[in-house]
Amino acid sequence: MASSNSLLFSLAALLLLVSFIQTSDAKLNGTLFMEQILSGHNAARAEVGVPPLNWDRNLAVFARGYIDEDRRADCKLLYSERWSFGETIYTGPRTITAVDAVAYWVSGKQWYTYATNSCQEGKDCSDYTQVVWRTTINVGCAQIKCDTGDLFIACEYYPHGNYAGARPY
């Protein structure tokens, strides 16, 4: 009898843990997260005169799949190897927000020169140019708390940008 009680207790504890993780993840990826992502992206896009992005739940699910599957254990700042969509990624302490991530991506603007369609040598402007890419119409993002305790945020874009030689706007 004691072993069946232990099994029931273990099962109840497991269900409680799963419920807690799902609730925590829902808070991480809720309406405020989506609003912060869209607001930051669309402010940067408005500055250069391109249309606003729309939230795409399927892209958010794709982003979530990538970070759940490939980044949860280590939180390493590595891009997905699935090249179907454009992608931006960001990681930091658990105090970061979607606002921080978008600000980081948009900060690449300081190194981008539209007249020459180039990025300052030794710098990376690809996150910025993806955020403001004129033909991109949809974005979907997700964030998770990694096993390291840090947060990881990934956004997927459709259609993707950053075509070699093409201007973002």
C-alpha atoms as a PDB file:
ATOM      1  CA  MET A   1       0.000   0.000   0.000  1.00  0.00           C
ATOM      2  CA  ALA A   2       2.841   2.376   0.825  1.00  0.00           C
ATOM      3  CA  SER A   3       4.313   1.997  -2.648  1.00  0.00           C
ATOM      4  CA  SER A   4       0.996   2.864  -4.351  1.00  0.00           C
ATOM      5  CA  ASN A   5       0.686   5.943  -2.107  1.00  0.00           C
ATOM      6  CA  SER A   6       4.233   6.940  -3.079  1.00  0.00           C
ATOM      7  CA  LEU A   7       3.375   6.456  -6.728  1.00  0.00           C
ATOM      8  CA  LEU A   8       0.226   8.582  -6.394  1.00  0.00           C
ATOM      9  CA  PHE A   9       2.174  11.277  -4.565  1.00  0.00           C
ATOM     10  CA  SER A  10       4.899  11.250  -7.238  1.00  0.00           C
ATOM     11  CA  LEU A  11       2.302  11.462 -10.007  1.00  0.00           C
ATOM     12  CA  ALA A  12       0.521  14.358  -8.287  1.00  0.00           C
ATOM     13  CA  ALA A  13       3.853  16.179  -7.818  1.00  0.00           C
ATOM     14  CA  LEU A  14       4.714  15.644 -11.477  1.00  0.00           C
ATOM     15  CA  LEU A  15       1.341  16.992 -12.619  1.00  0.00           C
ATOM     16  CA  LEU A  16       1.781  20.022 -10.373  1.00  0.00           C
ATOM     17  CA  LEU A  17       5.252  20.656 -11.833  1.00  0.00           C
ATOM     18  CA  VAL A  18       3.976  20.382 -15.428  1.00  0.00           C
ATOM     19  CA  SER A  19       1.139  22.777 -14.596  1.00  0.00           C
ATOM     20  CA  PHE A  20       3.618  25.245 -13.061  1.00  0.00           C
ATOM     21  CA  ILE A  21       5.907  25.071 -16.114  1.00  0.00           C
ATOM     22  CA  GLN A  22       2.979  25.602 -18.495  1.00  0.00           C
ATOM     23  CA  THR A  23       1.737  28.546 -16.418  1.00  0.00           C
ATOM     24  CA  SER A  24       5.229  30.081 -16.309  1.00  0.00           C
ATOM     25  CA  ASP A  25       5.658  29.625 -20.064  1.00  0.00           C
ATOM     26  CA  ALA A  26       2.221  31.154 -20.707  1.00  0.00           C
ATOM     27  CA  LYS A  27       3.230  34.215 -18.672  1.00  0.00           C
ATOM     28  CA  LEU A  28       6.484  34.450 -20.641  1.00  0.00           C
ATOM     29  CA  ASN A  29       4.711  34.278 -24.001  1.00  0.00           C
ATOM     30  CA  GLY A  30       1.478  36.099 -23.246  1.00  0.00           C
ATOM     31  CA  THR A  31      -0.201  39.193 -24.629  1.00  0.00           C
ATOM     32  CA  LEU A  32       2.290  41.653 -23.093  1.00  0.00           C
ATOM     33  CA  PHE A  33       5.179  39.776 -24.746  1.00  0.00           C
ATOM     34  CA  MET A  34       3.434  39.898 -28.131  1.00  0.00           C
ATOM     35  CA  GLU A  35       2.586  43.594 -27.728  1.00  0.00           C
ATOM     36  CA  GLN A  36       6.179  44.464 -26.775  1.00  0.00           C
ATOM     37  CA  ILE A  37       7.537  42.563 -29.777  1.00  0.00           C
ATOM     38  CA  LEU A  38       5.149  44.196 -32.233  1.00  0.00           C
ATOM     39  CA  SER A  39       5.488  47.671 -30.744  1.00  0.00           C
ATOM     40  CA  GLY A  40       9.289  47.616 -30.904  1.00  0.00           C
ATOM     41  CA  HIS A  41       9.416  46.164 -34.395  1.00  0.00           C
ATOM     42  CA  ASN A  42       6.767  48.489 -35.782  1.00  0.00           C
ATOM     43  CA  ALA A  43       8.358  51.608 -34.261  1.00  0.00           C
ATOM     44  CA  ALA A  44      11.651  50.732 -35.984  1.00  0.00           C
ATOM     45  CA  ARG A  45       9.810  50.021 -39.225  1.00  0.00           C
ATOM     46  CA  ALA A  46       7.884  53.301 -39.054  1.00  0.00           C
ATOM     47  CA  GLU A  47      11.184  55.192 -38.735  1.00  0.00           C
ATOM     48  CA  VAL A  48      12.216  53.950 -42.182  1.00  0.00           C
ATOM     49  CA  GLY A  49       8.760  54.101 -43.766  1.00  0.00           C
ATOM     50  CA  VAL A  50       7.895  50.410 -44.105  1.00  0.00           C
ATOM     51  CA  PRO A  51       4.549  48.821 -43.213  1.00  0.00           C
ATOM     52  CA  PRO A  52       3.982  47.320 -39.757  1.00  0.00           C
ATOM     53  CA  LEU A  53       4.357  43.608 -39.093  1.00  0.00           C
ATOM     54  CA  ASN A  54       1.500  41.311 -38.124  1.00  0.00           C
ATOM     55  CA  TRP A  55       1.721  38.664 -35.400  1.00  0.00           C
ATOM     56  CA  ASP A  56       1.696  35.126 -36.778  1.00  0.00           C
ATOM     57  CA  ARG A  57       0.889  32.380 -34.295  1.00  0.00           C
ATOM     58  CA  ASN A  58       2.394  29.694 -36.554  1.00  0.00           C
ATOM     59  CA  LEU A  59       5.727  31.521 -36.618  1.00  0.00           C
ATOM     60  CA  ALA A  60       5.549  31.822 -32.821  1.00  0.00           C
ATOM     61  CA  VAL A  61       4.996  28.056 -32.588  1.00  0.00           C
ATOM     62  CA  PHE A  62       7.967  27.486 -34.902  1.00  0.00           C
ATOM     63  CA  ALA A  63      10.147  29.787 -32.753  1.00  0.00           C
ATOM     64  CA  ARG A  64       9.002  27.973 -29.630  1.00  0.00           C
ATOM     65  CA  GLY A  65       9.809  24.599 -31.167  1.00  0.00           C
ATOM     66  CA  TYR A  66      13.333  25.688 -32.000  1.00  0.00           C
ATOM     67  CA  ILE A  67      14.172  27.125 -28.596  1.00  0.00           C
ATOM     68  CA  ASP A  68      12.445  24.323 -26.680  1.00  0.00           C
ATOM     69  CA  GLU A  69      14.199  21.653 -28.687  1.00  0.00           C
ATOM     70  CA  ASP A  70      17.617  23.185 -29.291  1.00  0.00           C
ATOM     71  CA  ARG A  71      18.307  25.963 -26.786  1.00  0.00           C
ATOM     72  CA  ARG A  72      16.571  25.141 -23.492  1.00  0.00           C
ATOM     73  CA  ALA A  73      19.521  23.166 -22.136  1.00  0.00           C
ATOM     74  CA  ASP A  74      22.292  25.683 -22.875  1.00  0.00           C
ATOM     75  CA  CYS A  75      20.765  29.055 -23.881  1.00  0.00           C
ATOM     76  CA  LYS A  76      23.606  29.521 -26.412  1.00  0.00           C
ATOM     77  CA  LEU A  77      23.129  32.345 -28.886  1.00  0.00           C
ATOM     78  CA  LEU A  78      22.989  30.106 -31.964  1.00  0.00           C
ATOM     79  CA  TYR A  79      20.653  30.504 -34.920  1.00  0.00           C
ATOM     80  CA  SER A  80      18.348  27.717 -35.998  1.00  0.00           C
ATOM     81  CA  GLU A  81      19.590  25.599 -38.869  1.00  0.00           C
ATOM     82  CA  ARG A  82      16.087  25.609 -40.352  1.00  0.00           C
ATOM     83  CA  TRP A  83      16.410  28.279 -43.036  1.00  0.00           C
ATOM     84  CA  SER A  84      12.709  28.578 -43.882  1.00  0.00           C
ATOM     85  CA  PHE A  85      12.263  31.933 -42.173  1.00  0.00           C
ATOM     86  CA  GLY A  86      14.243  34.974 -41.164  1.00  0.00           C
ATOM     87  CA  GLU A  87      15.314  34.822 -37.538  1.00  0.00           C
ATOM     88  CA  THR A  88      16.528  37.007 -34.697  1.00  0.00           C
ATOM     89  CA  ILE A  89      17.672  35.650 -31.339  1.00  0.00           C
ATOM     90  CA  TYR A  90      18.578  37.130 -27.975  1.00  0.00           C
ATOM     91  CA  THR A  91      19.564  35.748 -24.596  1.00  0.00           C
ATOM     92  CA  GLY A  92      20.214  37.262 -21.208  1.00  0.00           C
ATOM     93  CA  PRO A  93      19.437  37.094 -17.508  1.00  0.00           C
ATOM     94  CA  ARG A  94      15.897  36.252 -16.484  1.00  0.00           C
ATOM     95  CA  THR A  95      15.189  39.972 -16.014  1.00  0.00           C
ATOM     96  CA  ILE A  96      15.287  40.697 -19.767  1.00  0.00           C
ATOM     97  CA  THR A  97      12.112  41.538 -21.640  1.00  0.00           C
ATOM     98  CA  ALA A  98      10.912  41.534 -25.220  1.00  0.00           C
ATOM     99  CA  VAL A  99      11.618  45.289 -25.197  1.00  0.00           C
ATOM    100  CA  ASP A 100      15.289  44.553 -24.447  1.00  0.00           C
ATOM    101  CA  ALA A 101      15.509  41.998 -27.242  1.00  0.00           C
ATOM    102  CA  VAL A 102      13.997  44.272 -29.888  1.00  0.00           C
ATOM    103  CA  ALA A 103      16.154  47.205 -28.723  1.00  0.00           C
ATOM    104  CA  TYR A 104      19.225  45.001 -29.110  1.00  0.00           C
ATOM    105  CA  TRP A 105      18.251  43.942 -32.632  1.00  0.00           C
ATOM    106  CA  VAL A 106      17.406  47.501 -33.668  1.00  0.00           C
ATOM    107  CA  SER A 107      20.696  48.798 -32.214  1.00  0.00           C
ATOM    108  CA  GLY A 108      22.403  47.419 -35.337  1.00  0.00           C
ATOM    109  CA  LYS A 109      21.048  50.483 -37.124  1.00  0.00           C
ATOM    110  CA  GLN A 110      24.004  52.483 -35.780  1.00  0.00           C
ATOM    111  CA  TRP A 111      26.361  50.463 -38.000  1.00  0.00           C
ATOM    112  CA  TYR A 112      24.158  50.279 -41.107  1.00  0.00           C
ATOM    113  CA  THR A 113      24.631  52.801 -43.933  1.00  0.00           C
ATOM    114  CA  TYR A 114      21.689  52.923 -46.310  1.00  0.00           C
ATOM    115  CA  ALA A 115      23.527  54.892 -49.026  1.00  0.00           C
ATOM    116  CA  THR A 116      26.031  52.073 -49.498  1.00  0.00           C
ATOM    117  CA  ASN A 117      23.751  49.301 -48.241  1.00  0.00           C
ATOM    118  CA  SER A 118      26.542  48.142 -45.989  1.00  0.00           C
ATOM    119  CA  CYS A 119      27.383  47.439 -42.395  1.00  0.00           C
ATOM    120  CA  GLN A 120      30.435  48.830 -40.628  1.00  0.00           C
ATOM    121  CA  GLU A 121      33.339  46.414 -40.912  1.00  0.00           C
ATOM    122  CA  GLY A 122      33.448  43.963 -38.030  1.00  0.00           C
ATOM    123  CA  LYS A 123      29.828  44.647 -37.035  1.00  0.00           C
ATOM    124  CA  ASP A 124      26.621  42.721 -37.706  1.00  0.00           C
ATOM    125  CA  CYS A 125      23.545  44.567 -38.945  1.00  0.00           C
ATOM    126  CA  SER A 126      21.555  41.502 -40.044  1.00  0.00           C
ATOM    127  CA  ASP A 127      19.169  41.531 -37.076  1.00  0.00           C
ATOM    128  CA  TYR A 128      18.376  45.191 -37.705  1.00  0.00           C
ATOM    129  CA  THR A 129      17.862  44.718 -41.435  1.00  0.00           C
ATOM    130  CA  GLN A 130      15.595  41.718 -40.781  1.00  0.00           C
ATOM    131  CA  VAL A 131      13.475  43.756 -38.360  1.00  0.00           C
ATOM    132  CA  VAL A 132      12.947  46.502 -40.986  1.00  0.00           C
ATOM    133  CA  TRP A 133      12.917  44.367 -44.170  1.00  0.00           C
ATOM    134  CA  ARG A 134      10.220  45.928 -46.381  1.00  0.00           C
ATOM    135  CA  THR A 135       8.725  42.705 -47.777  1.00  0.00           C
ATOM    136  CA  THR A 136       8.500  40.913 -44.425  1.00  0.00           C
ATOM    137  CA  ILE A 137       4.888  41.007 -43.274  1.00  0.00           C
ATOM    138  CA  ASN A 138       4.650  38.534 -40.375  1.00  0.00           C
ATOM    139  CA  VAL A 139       6.558  37.855 -37.182  1.00  0.00           C
ATOM    140  CA  GLY A 140       6.109  35.290 -34.456  1.00  0.00           C
ATOM    141  CA  CYS A 141       8.285  34.985 -31.372  1.00  0.00           C
ATOM    142  CA  ALA A 142       8.679  32.932 -28.243  1.00  0.00           C
ATOM    143  CA  GLN A 143      10.775  32.962 -25.108  1.00  0.00           C
ATOM    144  CA  ILE A 144      11.733  30.329 -22.597  1.00  0.00           C
ATOM    145  CA  LYS A 145      13.600  30.104 -19.337  1.00  0.00           C
ATOM    146  CA  CYS A 146      16.628  27.937 -20.076  1.00  0.00           C
ATOM    147  CA  ASP A 147      18.019  25.322 -17.721  1.00  0.00           C
ATOM    148  CA  THR A 148      20.822  27.836 -17.038  1.00  0.00           C
ATOM    149  CA  GLY A 149      18.274  30.259 -15.542  1.00  0.00           C
ATOM    150  CA  ASP A 150      18.670  32.747 -18.399  1.00  0.00           C
ATOM    151  CA  LEU A 151      15.936  33.663 -20.881  1.00  0.00           C
ATOM    152  CA  PHE A 152      16.127  33.009 -24.613  1.00  0.00           C
ATOM    153  CA  ILE A 153      13.989  34.917 -27.127  1.00  0.00           C
ATOM    154  CA  ALA A 154      13.643  33.965 -30.789  1.00  0.00           C
ATOM    155  CA  CYS A 155      11.599  35.623 -33.537  1.00  0.00           C
ATOM    156  CA  GLU A 156      10.807  34.134 -36.925  1.00  0.00           C
ATOM    157  CA  TYR A 157       9.926  36.289 -39.953  1.00  0.00           C
ATOM    158  CA  TYR A 158       7.999  35.619 -43.152  1.00  0.00           C
ATOM    159  CA  PRO A 159       8.901  36.241 -45.826  1.00  0.00           C
ATOM    160  CA  HIS A 160      12.498  36.388 -44.679  1.00  0.00           C
ATOM    161  CA  GLY A 161      14.793  39.276 -45.548  1.00  0.00           C
ATOM    162  CA  ASN A 162      18.515  39.799 -45.841  1.00  0.00           C
ATOM    163  CA  TYR A 163      18.887  38.905 -49.502  1.00  0.00           C
ATOM    164  CA  ALA A 164      22.489  39.521 -50.591  1.00  0.00           C
ATOM    165  CA  GLY A 165      22.819  42.856 -52.370  1.00  0.00           C
ATOM    166  CA  ALA A 166      19.196  43.890 -51.754  1.00  0.00           C
ATOM    167  CA  ARG A 167      18.255  46.923 -49.678  1.00  0.00           C
ATOM    168  CA  PRO A 168      16.028  46.327 -46.668  1.00  0.00           C
ATOM    169  CA  TYR A 169      13.823  49.367 -47.424  1.00  0.00           C
END
